[in-house]
Amino acid sequence: MADLSAFPITKRWAPTNSDIIQLYSYPTPNGVKASIALEEMGLDYEAHLVTLADADVKSPEFLSLNPNNKIPAIIDPNGPDGEPIGLWESGAILLYLANKTGKLIGSTASDRAKITQWLMFQMGGVGPMFGQMGFFVKFAGSEIEDPRPRERYVGEAKRLLNVLEQTLDGQDWIAGEFSIADIALAPWIGALEFYGAKEMTGYNDLKNVPAYVERFLDRPAVQKGRTIPNPNG
C-alpha cells in the first residue's frame, strides 16, 4: 500500500486503498469535473465526501491539501515523478488526468491546444460569470435592490451561451471530439436550471447548446460521475 502519511488530509478522510487516486469532492459543477473525468478515463479512485460547510473545507486537514479551501482536490499515489502528488483546482486536475492517461486531450498538439483553449474559456469565463449570476439570481445577492450586478452577469451569461451556440453549430463537442473541455463546460451550463436562470439567459431559445447538454448527460460515465461523491451517504 502506498504511504500517504505525508498528507494530513488522510487522517480525517482515511483511504481504504491508498494505492489508487483519492478524490475529495462534492457534486457541484466544479466537483463533478473530477469524478466524471475519472469515470470517463477508467481510472481507479476512491471518493471522499467533503461538504461545502466551513467545518470541512476550512478544516486544517482539507486546507493542508488545498489552501484555497475549494473542492475538488485529489491525491495520486502514482505521481509523475514516482512519488504521490496532491492537486487542486478543477481545471488543473482535468489537465493532469488527461496527460496522465493520454485520454480526452486529443491526439495532436493542435488538438491539445484547442481543447486547452476551451477549458480556459470555462475556467475564466463560464464558471465565474455563471457563478456570480447565480449569486445575484438565487442566493443572497438576489436581495440587493441595485439591478446592475444582476444585469451585468445575466448579460455576460447570454453572451457566453451565444459563443457556445455558434461554435456547436454542426459539431457534437466543443473542440471536435469529446474531451476534458466538455467535462468542464457542460456541468456549468446545467447549473442554469439550478439557478432558475434558463429563461432570463435565453437558454430555451437556443438549439445547439441544449442538444449538447443532452448528449453529455446521455453518457454512462457522466451519469455515474455526476453523483459522486453521494451527498446522501
Protein backbone atom coordinates (compact mmCIF):
# COMPACT_ATOMS: atom_id res chain seq x y z
CA MET A 1 0.00 0.00 0.00
CA ALA A 2 1.23 3.49 -0.84
CA ASP A 3 2.33 5.65 2.07
CA LEU A 4 0.16 8.79 2.08
CA SER A 5 1.05 9.81 5.64
CA ALA A 6 2.69 12.99 4.32
CA PHE A 7 -0.83 14.25 3.51
CA PRO A 8 -2.61 15.28 6.74
CA ILE A 9 -5.98 15.15 4.96
CA THR A 10 -5.78 11.35 5.08
CA LYS A 11 -6.06 11.44 8.86
CA ARG A 12 -9.60 12.82 8.62
CA TRP A 13 -10.64 11.22 5.31
CA ALA A 14 -8.78 7.92 5.59
CA PRO A 15 -8.20 5.92 2.41
CA THR A 16 -9.44 2.37 2.16
CA ASN A 17 -6.99 1.67 -0.65
CA SER A 18 -4.07 4.08 -0.69
CA ASP A 19 -2.79 2.65 -3.97
CA ILE A 20 -5.50 4.41 -6.00
CA ILE A 21 -6.38 8.06 -6.59
CA GLN A 22 -8.06 9.75 -3.65
CA LEU A 23 -10.79 12.22 -4.61
CA TYR A 24 -12.05 14.85 -2.16
CA SER A 25 -15.13 16.45 -3.58
CA TYR A 26 -18.81 17.33 -3.59
CA PRO A 27 -21.18 17.11 -6.60
CA THR A 28 -21.14 20.75 -7.71
CA PRO A 29 -20.38 21.83 -11.30
CA ASN A 30 -16.72 22.05 -10.37
CA GLY A 31 -16.70 18.95 -8.21
CA VAL A 32 -18.16 16.61 -10.81
CA LYS A 33 -15.50 17.57 -13.33
CA ALA A 34 -13.06 15.35 -11.46
CA SER A 35 -15.41 12.40 -10.85
CA ILE A 36 -16.70 12.41 -14.44
CA ALA A 37 -13.15 12.56 -15.81
CA LEU A 38 -12.08 9.67 -13.59
CA GLU A 39 -15.06 7.63 -14.79
CA GLU A 40 -14.55 8.52 -18.46
CA MET A 41 -10.85 7.65 -18.29
CA GLY A 42 -11.43 4.39 -16.44
CA LEU A 43 -9.11 5.25 -13.56
CA ASP A 44 -9.43 3.56 -10.19
CA TYR A 45 -10.23 6.03 -7.44
CA GLU A 46 -11.77 6.39 -4.03
CA ALA A 47 -14.19 9.24 -3.38
CA HIS A 48 -14.39 11.12 -0.09
CA LEU A 49 -17.33 13.44 0.57
CA VAL A 50 -16.16 16.92 1.54
CA THR A 51 -19.15 19.15 2.13
CA LEU A 52 -19.14 22.87 1.40
CA ALA A 53 -19.53 23.63 5.10
CA ASP A 54 -16.67 25.50 6.75
CA ALA A 55 -16.22 22.56 9.10
CA ASP A 56 -14.99 20.56 6.11
CA VAL A 57 -13.47 22.90 3.51
CA LYS A 58 -11.86 25.15 6.10
CA SER A 59 -10.68 22.35 8.33
CA PRO A 60 -6.92 22.10 8.90
CA GLU A 61 -6.90 18.71 7.20
CA PHE A 62 -8.52 19.93 3.98
CA LEU A 63 -6.51 23.15 3.93
CA SER A 64 -3.33 21.07 4.16
CA LEU A 65 -4.14 19.80 0.66
CA ASN A 66 -5.91 22.86 -0.76
CA PRO A 67 -5.10 26.19 0.91
CA ASN A 68 -7.79 27.76 -1.29
CA ASN A 69 -10.47 25.73 0.58
CA LYS A 70 -12.37 24.67 -2.55
CA ILE A 71 -13.34 21.27 -3.88
CA PRO A 72 -12.30 19.20 -5.75
CA ALA A 73 -8.84 18.03 -4.79
CA ILE A 74 -7.02 14.77 -5.41
CA ILE A 75 -4.04 12.77 -4.27
CA ASP A 76 -2.48 10.48 -6.86
CA PRO A 77 -0.24 7.93 -5.14
CA ASN A 78 1.39 7.24 -8.50
CA GLY A 79 2.58 10.71 -9.40
CA PRO A 80 4.61 11.62 -12.49
CA ASP A 81 7.92 11.57 -10.60
CA GLY A 82 7.30 8.27 -8.86
CA GLU A 83 6.00 9.99 -5.74
CA PRO A 84 2.46 10.82 -4.57
CA ILE A 85 1.16 14.19 -5.71
CA GLY A 86 -1.67 16.31 -4.38
CA LEU A 87 -3.56 18.65 -6.70
CA TRP A 88 -6.42 21.15 -6.52
CA GLU A 89 -8.23 23.43 -8.97
CA SER A 90 -10.65 21.53 -11.17
CA GLY A 91 -9.07 22.63 -14.46
CA ALA A 92 -5.61 21.62 -13.30
CA ILE A 93 -6.96 18.24 -12.22
CA LEU A 94 -8.57 17.70 -15.63
CA LEU A 95 -5.32 18.52 -17.43
CA TYR A 96 -3.32 16.31 -15.08
CA LEU A 97 -5.59 13.30 -15.54
CA ALA A 98 -5.76 13.79 -19.31
CA ASN A 99 -1.98 14.00 -19.60
CA LYS A 100 -1.54 11.04 -17.24
CA THR A 101 -3.76 8.79 -19.33
CA GLY A 102 -3.43 10.36 -22.77
CA LYS A 103 -7.23 10.40 -22.93
CA LEU A 104 -9.69 13.21 -23.73
CA ILE A 105 -6.89 15.62 -24.62
CA GLY A 106 -6.68 14.99 -28.37
CA SER A 107 -4.13 13.09 -30.43
CA THR A 108 -2.11 16.01 -31.81
CA ALA A 109 -0.50 19.16 -30.44
CA SER A 110 -3.14 21.21 -32.27
CA ASP A 111 -5.92 19.17 -30.65
CA ARG A 112 -4.43 19.71 -27.21
CA ALA A 113 -4.10 23.44 -27.78
CA LYS A 114 -7.74 23.78 -28.87
CA ILE A 115 -9.01 21.65 -26.00
CA THR A 116 -6.97 23.68 -23.52
CA GLN A 117 -8.35 26.86 -25.08
CA TRP A 118 -11.94 25.81 -24.39
CA LEU A 119 -11.03 24.56 -20.93
CA MET A 120 -9.68 28.04 -20.16
CA PHE A 121 -12.87 29.54 -21.61
CA GLN A 122 -14.80 27.65 -18.97
CA MET A 123 -12.37 28.37 -16.15
CA GLY A 124 -12.05 32.08 -16.88
CA GLY A 125 -15.48 32.83 -18.30
CA VAL A 126 -18.39 30.42 -17.95
CA GLY A 127 -17.66 29.28 -14.40
CA PRO A 128 -17.03 32.67 -12.79
CA MET A 129 -19.75 34.50 -14.72
CA PHE A 130 -22.43 31.85 -14.22
CA GLY A 131 -21.48 31.53 -10.56
CA GLN A 132 -21.79 35.26 -9.94
CA MET A 133 -25.07 35.32 -11.83
CA GLY A 134 -26.35 32.54 -9.58
CA PHE A 135 -25.43 34.58 -6.52
CA PHE A 136 -27.46 37.56 -7.73
CA VAL A 137 -30.37 35.49 -9.04
CA LYS A 138 -30.83 32.69 -6.48
CA PHE A 139 -28.78 33.40 -3.39
CA ALA A 140 -28.10 36.33 -1.07
CA GLY A 141 -27.35 38.75 -3.89
CA SER A 142 -30.95 38.49 -5.06
CA GLU A 143 -31.91 40.73 -2.11
CA ILE A 144 -29.78 43.60 -3.40
CA GLU A 145 -32.01 46.32 -4.84
CA ASP A 146 -29.46 47.72 -7.29
CA PRO A 147 -30.22 45.83 -10.57
CA ARG A 148 -26.84 46.48 -12.15
CA PRO A 149 -24.90 43.49 -10.73
CA ARG A 150 -27.63 41.09 -11.79
CA GLU A 151 -27.92 42.66 -15.24
CA ARG A 152 -24.16 42.53 -15.68
CA TYR A 153 -23.87 38.79 -15.03
CA VAL A 154 -27.08 37.81 -16.84
CA GLY A 155 -25.86 39.74 -19.88
CA GLU A 156 -22.47 38.08 -19.76
CA ALA A 157 -24.08 34.64 -19.39
CA LYS A 158 -26.14 35.33 -22.52
CA ARG A 159 -23.03 36.34 -24.43
CA LEU A 160 -21.11 33.22 -23.38
CA LEU A 161 -24.04 30.98 -24.29
CA ASN A 162 -24.14 32.54 -27.74
CA VAL A 163 -20.44 31.84 -28.21
CA LEU A 164 -21.15 28.20 -27.43
CA GLU A 165 -24.25 28.13 -29.62
CA GLN A 166 -22.31 29.34 -32.64
CA THR A 167 -19.33 27.07 -32.03
CA LEU A 168 -21.50 23.97 -31.63
CA ASP A 169 -23.27 24.52 -34.92
CA GLY A 170 -22.56 21.41 -36.95
CA GLN A 171 -20.49 19.59 -34.34
CA ASP A 172 -21.26 17.42 -31.32
CA TRP A 173 -18.47 18.55 -28.99
CA ILE A 174 -16.87 21.90 -28.32
CA ALA A 175 -13.36 21.11 -29.61
CA GLY A 176 -14.19 18.38 -32.10
CA GLU A 177 -14.02 15.03 -30.29
CA PHE A 178 -15.31 14.61 -26.74
CA SER A 179 -12.70 15.98 -24.32
CA ILE A 180 -11.99 17.42 -20.90
CA ALA A 181 -13.26 20.75 -22.25
CA ASP A 182 -16.75 19.26 -22.47
CA ILE A 183 -16.42 17.81 -18.97
CA ALA A 184 -15.64 21.33 -17.76
CA LEU A 185 -18.35 23.16 -19.71
CA ALA A 186 -21.48 21.01 -19.66
CA PRO A 187 -21.96 20.82 -15.86
CA TRP A 188 -21.81 24.61 -15.64
CA ILE A 189 -24.36 25.01 -18.41
CA GLY A 190 -26.55 22.58 -16.49
CA ALA A 191 -26.29 24.85 -13.44
CA LEU A 192 -28.61 27.33 -15.16
CA GLU A 193 -31.53 25.12 -14.21
CA PHE A 194 -30.43 25.04 -10.56
CA TYR A 195 -30.17 28.84 -10.57
CA GLY A 196 -33.60 29.19 -12.21
CA ALA A 197 -31.90 31.22 -14.94
CA LYS A 198 -32.72 29.40 -18.18
CA GLU A 199 -35.41 31.79 -19.31
CA MET A 200 -33.61 35.00 -18.42
CA THR A 201 -30.44 33.93 -20.23
CA GLY A 202 -32.28 32.90 -23.39
CA TYR A 203 -31.24 29.27 -22.96
CA ASN A 204 -34.63 27.98 -24.07
CA ASP A 205 -34.30 29.87 -27.36
CA LEU A 206 -31.08 28.08 -28.26
CA LYS A 207 -30.83 24.88 -30.29
CA ASN A 208 -27.25 23.65 -30.23
CA VAL A 209 -26.44 24.21 -26.55
CA PRO A 210 -29.42 22.28 -25.11
CA ALA A 211 -28.75 19.40 -27.52
CA TYR A 212 -25.10 19.46 -26.42
CA VAL A 213 -26.05 19.16 -22.76
CA GLU A 214 -28.40 16.28 -23.54
CA ARG A 215 -25.65 14.43 -25.40
CA PHE A 216 -23.37 14.95 -22.44
CA LEU A 217 -25.93 13.68 -19.94
CA ASP A 218 -26.56 10.58 -22.06
CA ARG A 219 -23.02 9.32 -21.50
CA PRO A 220 -22.92 6.46 -18.93
CA ALA A 221 -19.73 7.75 -17.29
CA VAL A 222 -21.32 11.18 -16.91
CA GLN A 223 -24.45 9.72 -15.36
CA LYS A 224 -22.33 7.92 -12.76
CA GLY A 225 -19.75 10.61 -12.16
CA ARG A 226 -22.18 13.47 -11.60
CA THR A 227 -23.48 11.81 -8.43
CA ILE A 228 -20.05 11.12 -6.89
CA PRO A 229 -19.46 11.51 -4.02
CA ASN A 230 -23.04 10.82 -2.97
CA PRO A 231 -24.06 13.68 -0.65
CA ASN A 232 -26.70 11.44 0.92
CA GLY A 233 -24.22 8.85 2.03
